């Protein structure tokens, strides 16, 4: 399926011309606006009566209904759940004699462990680590970690420390609360204070993105989305995939892309099948083979 540049603008142009596609990808941030404006078809009865997706426990509930409904009615089906991951260069861990993050939830790293591992894997041009005298923060050869600058990853750290973007009780912004401030400061200090994460200028100077740095051994750990699996599993180096460092409560930020059925011509049920396909729990197992997955670290 071709996804052009300026996707939303082109999609809305098709809707305005009364030639909308039968189904379309509608991001979580646009979904309720589209539903409110009458651009989406109410598929509640179709979902309920479908012999496959209408079956009990087909979806992860109540999360699926929460993300697919507006005013109690279904207007789409989630295409997937996207969670942040901690990718690591397994060759570097082996070389340093450090055990990588575990899949076992009982062995999840705490935040201090994550920072300590990042320090051990960060070296300057003279082979010194950030906690050693004479460490040259202006000439770092390999960084221990990088957290992709994306709200999904920030949300995981903030929520795991007891904060949130918005207070669920009041609806007010929650980023000024101590729990959120502490988490955001710790993420910033990976660069500013601990010298284990690169600045954007470092990536620009190397002419690499973070995935390329990880593959080439210039970076040991990378917090990014599960979408990076498609790139990193093709890397020449041995990749590992885990879960970012967290605090008292190991939580994900989550991204909620969805396939939606747009208002337009008369529906005959085939559009529902197409919208449901990307999130089908019965997709072939070999789509997910050879993926090493470890669990998130907690803050403490």
Protein backbone atom coordinates (compact mmCIF):
# COMPACT_ATOMS: atom_id res chain seq x y z
CA UNK A 1 0.00 0.00 0.00
CA UNK A 2 1.52 3.31 -1.08
CA UNK A 3 1.72 5.94 1.65
CA UNK A 4 2.47 9.29 0.01
CA UNK A 5 4.02 12.36 1.55
CA UNK A 6 1.51 14.77 3.12
CA UNK A 7 -0.69 11.76 3.75
CA UNK A 8 -3.37 13.47 5.84
CA UNK A 9 -3.69 16.37 3.42
CA UNK A 10 -4.19 14.03 0.47
CA UNK A 11 -6.60 11.86 2.42
CA UNK A 12 -8.73 14.87 3.36
CA UNK A 13 -8.65 16.08 -0.25
CA UNK A 14 -10.13 12.74 -1.34
CA UNK A 15 -12.81 13.04 1.34
CA UNK A 16 -13.66 16.60 0.26
CA UNK A 17 -13.96 15.41 -3.36
CA UNK A 18 -16.36 12.69 -2.17
CA UNK A 19 -13.99 9.99 -3.42
CA UNK A 20 -12.60 8.61 -0.14
CA UNK A 21 -10.84 5.24 -0.03
CA UNK A 22 -12.81 2.39 1.51
CA UNK A 23 -10.34 2.15 4.38
CA UNK A 24 -7.49 4.37 5.48
CA UNK A 25 -4.85 4.60 8.17
CA UNK A 26 -5.90 7.23 10.69
CA UNK A 27 -3.45 8.06 13.46
CA UNK A 28 -4.60 8.06 17.06
CA UNK A 29 -4.31 11.84 17.31
CA UNK A 30 -6.75 12.36 14.41
CA UNK A 31 -9.21 9.56 15.08
CA UNK A 32 -11.74 11.29 17.33
CA UNK A 33 -11.66 14.46 15.24
CA UNK A 34 -12.49 12.43 12.14
CA UNK A 35 -15.27 10.60 13.98
CA UNK A 36 -16.73 13.82 15.39
CA UNK A 37 -16.78 15.40 11.92
CA UNK A 38 -18.66 12.42 10.48
CA UNK A 39 -15.82 11.23 8.28
CA UNK A 40 -15.86 7.67 9.65
CA UNK A 41 -18.43 4.90 9.43
CA UNK A 42 -19.99 3.51 12.61
CA UNK A 43 -18.99 -0.18 12.41
CA UNK A 44 -20.19 -1.18 15.89
CA UNK A 45 -22.79 -3.70 14.68
CA UNK A 46 -20.40 -5.14 12.10
CA UNK A 47 -17.74 -5.70 14.74
CA UNK A 48 -20.21 -7.23 17.19
CA UNK A 49 -21.72 -9.61 14.61
CA UNK A 50 -18.51 -10.65 12.86
CA UNK A 51 -17.78 -14.35 13.57
CA UNK A 52 -14.04 -13.75 14.02
CA UNK A 53 -13.36 -10.33 15.48
CA UNK A 54 -16.70 -10.32 17.31
CA UNK A 55 -15.69 -13.40 19.30
CA UNK A 56 -15.08 -13.01 23.04
CA UNK A 57 -11.47 -12.17 23.93
CA UNK A 58 -10.44 -11.76 20.29
CA UNK A 59 -9.04 -8.31 21.10
CA UNK A 60 -6.95 -7.18 24.03
CA UNK A 61 -9.66 -5.57 26.12
CA UNK A 62 -10.53 -3.01 27.34
CA UNK A 63 -7.64 -1.35 25.46
CA UNK A 64 -8.97 -2.10 21.97
CA UNK A 65 -12.42 -0.72 22.64
CA UNK A 66 -10.95 2.34 24.35
CA UNK A 67 -8.87 3.25 21.33
CA UNK A 68 -11.42 2.38 18.64
CA UNK A 69 -14.58 4.01 19.98
CA UNK A 70 -15.99 7.48 20.24
CA UNK A 71 -19.15 8.13 22.28
CA UNK A 72 -19.42 4.39 22.82
CA UNK A 73 -19.43 3.46 19.11
CA UNK A 74 -16.73 1.71 17.05
CA UNK A 75 -15.27 3.65 14.12
CA UNK A 76 -12.14 1.62 13.38
CA UNK A 77 -9.88 -1.27 14.32
CA UNK A 78 -6.37 -0.89 15.64
CA UNK A 79 -3.69 -2.03 13.24
CA UNK A 80 -1.17 -2.89 15.96
CA UNK A 81 0.26 -1.95 19.33
CA UNK A 82 3.62 -0.24 19.05
CA UNK A 83 5.83 -0.25 22.13
CA UNK A 84 9.24 1.20 22.79
CA UNK A 85 12.19 -1.17 22.96
CA UNK A 86 15.76 -1.18 24.20
CA UNK A 87 17.94 -2.34 21.34
CA UNK A 88 21.53 -3.25 22.09
CA UNK A 89 24.65 -4.31 20.22
CA UNK A 90 25.16 -7.83 21.55
CA UNK A 91 28.75 -7.92 20.29
CA UNK A 92 29.67 -4.96 22.51
CA UNK A 93 28.04 -6.55 25.55
CA UNK A 94 29.95 -9.77 24.96
CA UNK A 95 33.23 -7.89 24.46
CA UNK A 96 32.71 -5.97 27.72
CA UNK A 97 31.63 -9.06 29.65
CA UNK A 98 28.28 -7.49 30.58
CA UNK A 99 25.10 -9.55 30.78
CA UNK A 100 22.44 -7.97 28.52
CA UNK A 101 18.92 -7.18 29.72
CA UNK A 102 16.81 -10.24 30.48
CA UNK A 103 13.40 -11.34 29.24
CA UNK A 104 12.53 -12.34 32.80
CA UNK A 105 10.30 -9.64 34.39
CA UNK A 106 11.86 -10.50 37.76
CA UNK A 107 15.28 -9.51 36.43
CA UNK A 108 14.34 -6.16 34.93
CA UNK A 109 17.07 -3.57 35.29
CA UNK A 110 16.45 -0.59 37.51
CA UNK A 111 17.35 2.90 36.31
CA UNK A 112 20.66 3.03 38.18
CA UNK A 113 21.72 -0.27 36.62
CA UNK A 114 20.84 1.05 33.18
CA UNK A 115 22.97 4.16 33.75
CA UNK A 116 25.86 2.11 35.15
CA UNK A 117 25.85 -0.20 32.12
CA UNK A 118 25.73 2.86 29.85
CA UNK A 119 28.78 4.29 31.67
CA UNK A 120 30.73 1.04 31.27
CA UNK A 121 29.97 0.96 27.55
CA UNK A 122 30.83 4.63 26.92
CA UNK A 123 34.48 5.32 26.02
CA UNK A 124 36.35 8.40 24.85
CA UNK A 125 39.21 8.48 22.33
CA UNK A 126 41.63 7.34 25.06
CA UNK A 127 39.48 4.41 26.19
CA UNK A 128 38.32 6.14 29.39
CA UNK A 129 34.83 5.93 30.84
CA UNK A 130 32.75 8.90 32.10
CA UNK A 131 33.44 8.10 35.77
CA UNK A 132 37.23 8.06 35.28
CA UNK A 133 39.62 10.96 35.74
CA UNK A 134 40.64 12.54 32.46
CA UNK A 135 37.54 11.44 30.55
CA UNK A 136 37.17 13.62 27.44
CA UNK A 137 33.46 14.40 27.01
CA UNK A 138 34.20 16.28 23.79
CA UNK A 139 35.77 13.28 22.07
CA UNK A 140 33.62 10.24 22.76
CA UNK A 141 34.29 7.26 20.52
CA UNK A 142 31.35 5.13 21.65
CA UNK A 143 28.20 6.13 23.50
CA UNK A 144 26.51 3.83 25.96
CA UNK A 145 22.92 4.71 25.12
CA UNK A 146 20.53 6.90 23.19
CA UNK A 147 16.85 7.62 23.81
CA UNK A 148 15.07 8.54 20.59
CA UNK A 149 13.55 12.02 20.91
CA UNK A 150 9.95 10.93 20.54
CA UNK A 151 7.01 11.35 22.91
CA UNK A 152 6.32 7.60 23.01
CA UNK A 153 9.61 6.92 24.78
CA UNK A 154 9.36 9.94 27.03
CA UNK A 155 5.90 8.77 28.10
CA UNK A 156 7.25 5.39 29.20
CA UNK A 157 9.84 6.94 31.49
CA UNK A 158 7.40 9.48 32.90
CA UNK A 159 4.60 6.98 33.52
CA UNK A 160 6.89 4.40 35.07
CA UNK A 161 7.95 7.04 37.60
CA UNK A 162 4.36 7.72 38.59
CA UNK A 163 3.77 10.72 36.33
CA UNK A 164 1.83 11.29 33.13
CA UNK A 165 1.42 13.80 30.34
CA UNK A 166 -2.05 14.64 31.62
CA UNK A 167 -3.64 14.08 35.00
CA UNK A 168 -6.40 11.50 34.33
CA UNK A 169 -8.52 12.94 37.15
CA UNK A 170 -8.37 16.65 36.27
CA UNK A 171 -7.41 16.59 32.61
CA UNK A 172 -4.69 19.16 33.36
CA UNK A 173 -1.14 18.98 32.07
CA UNK A 174 0.92 16.73 34.32
CA UNK A 175 4.43 17.50 33.10
CA UNK A 176 4.96 20.04 35.89
CA UNK A 177 4.56 17.38 38.58
CA UNK A 178 7.70 16.20 40.45
CA UNK A 179 7.46 12.65 39.05
CA UNK A 180 7.44 13.89 35.45
CA UNK A 181 10.10 16.55 36.03
CA UNK A 182 12.48 14.03 37.60
CA UNK A 183 12.07 11.58 34.72
CA UNK A 184 12.59 14.25 32.06
CA UNK A 185 15.64 15.63 33.85
CA UNK A 186 17.17 12.16 34.07
CA UNK A 187 16.66 11.65 30.33
CA UNK A 188 18.31 15.01 29.61
CA UNK A 189 21.15 14.22 32.00
CA UNK A 190 22.10 11.16 29.99
CA UNK A 191 23.72 13.78 27.75
CA UNK A 192 24.25 16.77 30.01
CA UNK A 193 25.55 15.16 33.20
CA UNK A 194 26.41 11.51 32.65
CA UNK A 195 27.88 11.90 29.13
CA UNK A 196 26.60 8.50 27.98
CA UNK A 197 24.25 9.65 25.18
CA UNK A 198 25.03 11.60 21.99
CA UNK A 199 23.82 15.05 21.04
CA UNK A 200 22.20 15.59 17.65
CA UNK A 201 25.46 17.25 16.60
CA UNK A 202 27.31 13.99 17.26
CA UNK A 203 25.07 12.10 14.87
CA UNK A 204 25.40 14.85 12.28
CA UNK A 205 29.18 14.82 12.61
CA UNK A 206 29.30 11.06 12.11
CA UNK A 207 26.82 11.20 9.25
CA UNK A 208 24.77 8.43 10.85
CA UNK A 209 21.39 7.95 12.41
CA UNK A 210 21.08 6.13 15.73
CA UNK A 211 20.34 2.76 14.10
CA UNK A 212 23.50 3.02 12.03
CA UNK A 213 25.51 3.99 15.11
CA UNK A 214 24.21 0.92 16.91
CA UNK A 215 25.06 -1.35 13.99
CA UNK A 216 28.55 0.11 13.56
CA UNK A 217 29.45 -0.15 17.25
CA UNK A 218 29.42 3.61 17.88
CA UNK A 219 26.41 3.11 20.16
CA UNK A 220 25.74 0.27 22.62
CA UNK A 221 22.03 0.72 23.46
CA UNK A 222 19.15 2.50 21.74
CA UNK A 223 15.63 3.17 23.01
CA UNK A 224 13.40 3.35 19.96
CA UNK A 225 10.13 1.95 18.66
CA UNK A 226 9.44 -1.64 17.68
CA UNK A 227 9.38 -0.44 14.07
CA UNK A 228 13.19 -0.42 14.13
CA UNK A 229 13.20 -4.23 14.15
CA UNK A 230 12.79 -4.16 10.37
CA UNK A 231 16.12 -2.36 10.05
CA UNK A 232 18.16 -3.77 12.91
CA UNK A 233 17.48 -7.44 12.21
CA UNK A 234 19.31 -6.93 8.90
CA UNK A 235 22.38 -5.50 10.64
CA UNK A 236 25.79 -7.13 10.17
CA UNK A 237 26.41 -6.91 13.93
CA UNK A 238 24.42 -9.06 16.35
CA UNK A 239 21.40 -7.06 17.56
CA UNK A 240 19.44 -7.61 20.74
CA UNK A 241 16.05 -6.15 21.59
CA UNK A 242 14.84 -5.31 25.07
CA UNK A 243 12.92 -2.73 27.03
CA UNK A 244 13.91 0.74 28.23
CA UNK A 245 14.87 1.62 31.78
CA UNK A 246 11.98 2.38 34.09
CA UNK A 247 11.20 3.13 37.71
CA UNK A 248 8.72 1.78 40.20
CA UNK A 249 6.11 0.57 37.72
CA UNK A 250 7.33 -0.90 34.40
CA UNK A 251 5.01 0.67 31.86
CA UNK A 252 5.07 1.38 28.15
CA UNK A 253 4.20 4.46 26.31
CA UNK A 254 2.12 3.16 23.44
CA UNK A 255 1.36 4.27 19.93
CA UNK A 256 -2.05 3.41 18.56
CA UNK A 257 -2.13 3.45 14.77
CA UNK A 258 -5.43 2.24 13.39
CA UNK A 259 -7.17 1.30 10.20
CA UNK A 260 -10.47 3.12 9.81
CA UNK A 261 -13.48 2.68 7.57
CA UNK A 262 -14.26 6.02 5.93
CA UNK A 263 -17.73 7.31 5.19
CA UNK A 264 -18.50 7.08 1.51
CA UNK A 265 -20.11 4.41 -0.62
CA UNK A 266 -22.29 1.67 0.82
CA UNK A 267 -20.34 -0.85 2.92
CA UNK A 268 -20.53 -4.58 2.21
CA UNK A 269 -18.31 -6.06 4.93
CA UNK A 270 -15.12 -6.45 2.89
CA UNK A 271 -13.84 -3.10 4.16
CA UNK A 272 -14.13 -4.40 7.73
CA UNK A 273 -12.03 -7.45 6.86
CA UNK A 274 -9.33 -5.25 5.36
CA UNK A 275 -9.32 -2.92 8.36
CA UNK A 276 -9.01 -5.87 10.73
CA UNK A 277 -6.15 -7.60 8.89
CA UNK A 278 -3.14 -5.61 10.21
CA UNK A 279 -4.05 -6.41 13.81
CA UNK A 280 -5.02 -10.04 13.22
CA UNK A 281 -3.74 -12.22 16.05
CA UNK A 282 -3.63 -15.18 13.65
CA UNK A 283 -1.01 -13.75 11.30
CA UNK A 284 1.75 -16.28 10.42
CA UNK A 285 4.24 -16.94 13.20
CA UNK A 286 7.21 -16.62 10.85
CA UNK A 287 6.59 -12.87 10.66
CA UNK A 288 8.03 -12.68 14.16
CA UNK A 289 10.81 -15.29 14.08
CA UNK A 290 14.38 -14.55 15.14
CA UNK A 291 13.48 -11.57 17.29
CA UNK A 292 15.38 -11.33 20.59
CA UNK A 293 13.21 -9.54 23.13
CA UNK A 294 14.14 -8.49 26.66
CA UNK A 295 12.12 -6.67 29.31
CA UNK A 296 12.14 -3.05 30.43
CA UNK A 297 14.22 -1.77 33.26
CA UNK A 298 12.57 -0.01 36.17
CA UNK A 299 13.77 3.31 37.54
CA UNK A 300 14.58 1.76 40.93
